[in-house]
């Protein structure tokens, strides 16, 4: 799960939390 939650933390320069995962996906889209 941790691996899936931390989707390229270096890509955004910060830790990606499960609740913020949607935000990350939307930004990368």
C-alpha atoms as a PDB file:
ATOM      1  CA  UNK A   1       0.000   0.000   0.000  1.00  0.00           C
ATOM      2  CA  UNK A   2       2.762   2.439   0.886  1.00  0.00           C
ATOM      3  CA  UNK A   3       4.286   2.010  -2.546  1.00  0.00           C
ATOM      4  CA  UNK A   4       0.952   2.776  -4.157  1.00  0.00           C
ATOM      5  CA  UNK A   5       0.314   5.743  -1.873  1.00  0.00           C
ATOM      6  CA  UNK A   6       3.717   7.276  -2.510  1.00  0.00           C
ATOM      7  CA  UNK A   7       3.309   7.715  -6.237  1.00  0.00           C
ATOM      8  CA  UNK A   8       6.591   9.316  -7.243  1.00  0.00           C
ATOM      9  CA  UNK A   9       7.103  11.527  -4.175  1.00  0.00           C
ATOM     10  CA  UNK A  10      10.126  13.051  -5.923  1.00  0.00           C
ATOM     11  CA  UNK A  11       7.929  14.043  -8.853  1.00  0.00           C
ATOM     12  CA  UNK A  12       6.103  16.613  -6.736  1.00  0.00           C
ATOM     13  CA  UNK A  13       8.908  17.166  -4.242  1.00  0.00           C
ATOM     14  CA  UNK A  14       6.655  16.190  -1.353  1.00  0.00           C
ATOM     15  CA  UNK A  15       4.979  13.174   0.191  1.00  0.00           C
ATOM     16  CA  UNK A  16       1.732  12.091  -1.372  1.00  0.00           C
ATOM     17  CA  UNK A  17      -0.907  11.049   1.139  1.00  0.00           C
ATOM     18  CA  UNK A  18      -3.727   8.612   0.220  1.00  0.00           C
ATOM     19  CA  UNK A  19      -6.299  11.387   0.587  1.00  0.00           C
ATOM     20  CA  UNK A  20      -4.262  13.684  -1.660  1.00  0.00           C
ATOM     21  CA  UNK A  21      -3.703  10.950  -4.219  1.00  0.00           C
ATOM     22  CA  UNK A  22      -6.662  12.194  -6.273  1.00  0.00           C
ATOM     23  CA  UNK A  23      -5.104  15.649  -6.381  1.00  0.00           C
ATOM     24  CA  UNK A  24      -1.854  14.206  -7.706  1.00  0.00           C
ATOM     25  CA  UNK A  25      -3.675  12.279 -10.417  1.00  0.00           C
ATOM     26  CA  UNK A  26      -5.655  15.367 -11.427  1.00  0.00           C
ATOM     27  CA  UNK A  27      -2.513  17.507 -11.633  1.00  0.00           C
ATOM     28  CA  UNK A  28      -0.641  14.946 -13.733  1.00  0.00           C
ATOM     29  CA  UNK A  29      -3.649  14.635 -16.039  1.00  0.00           C
END
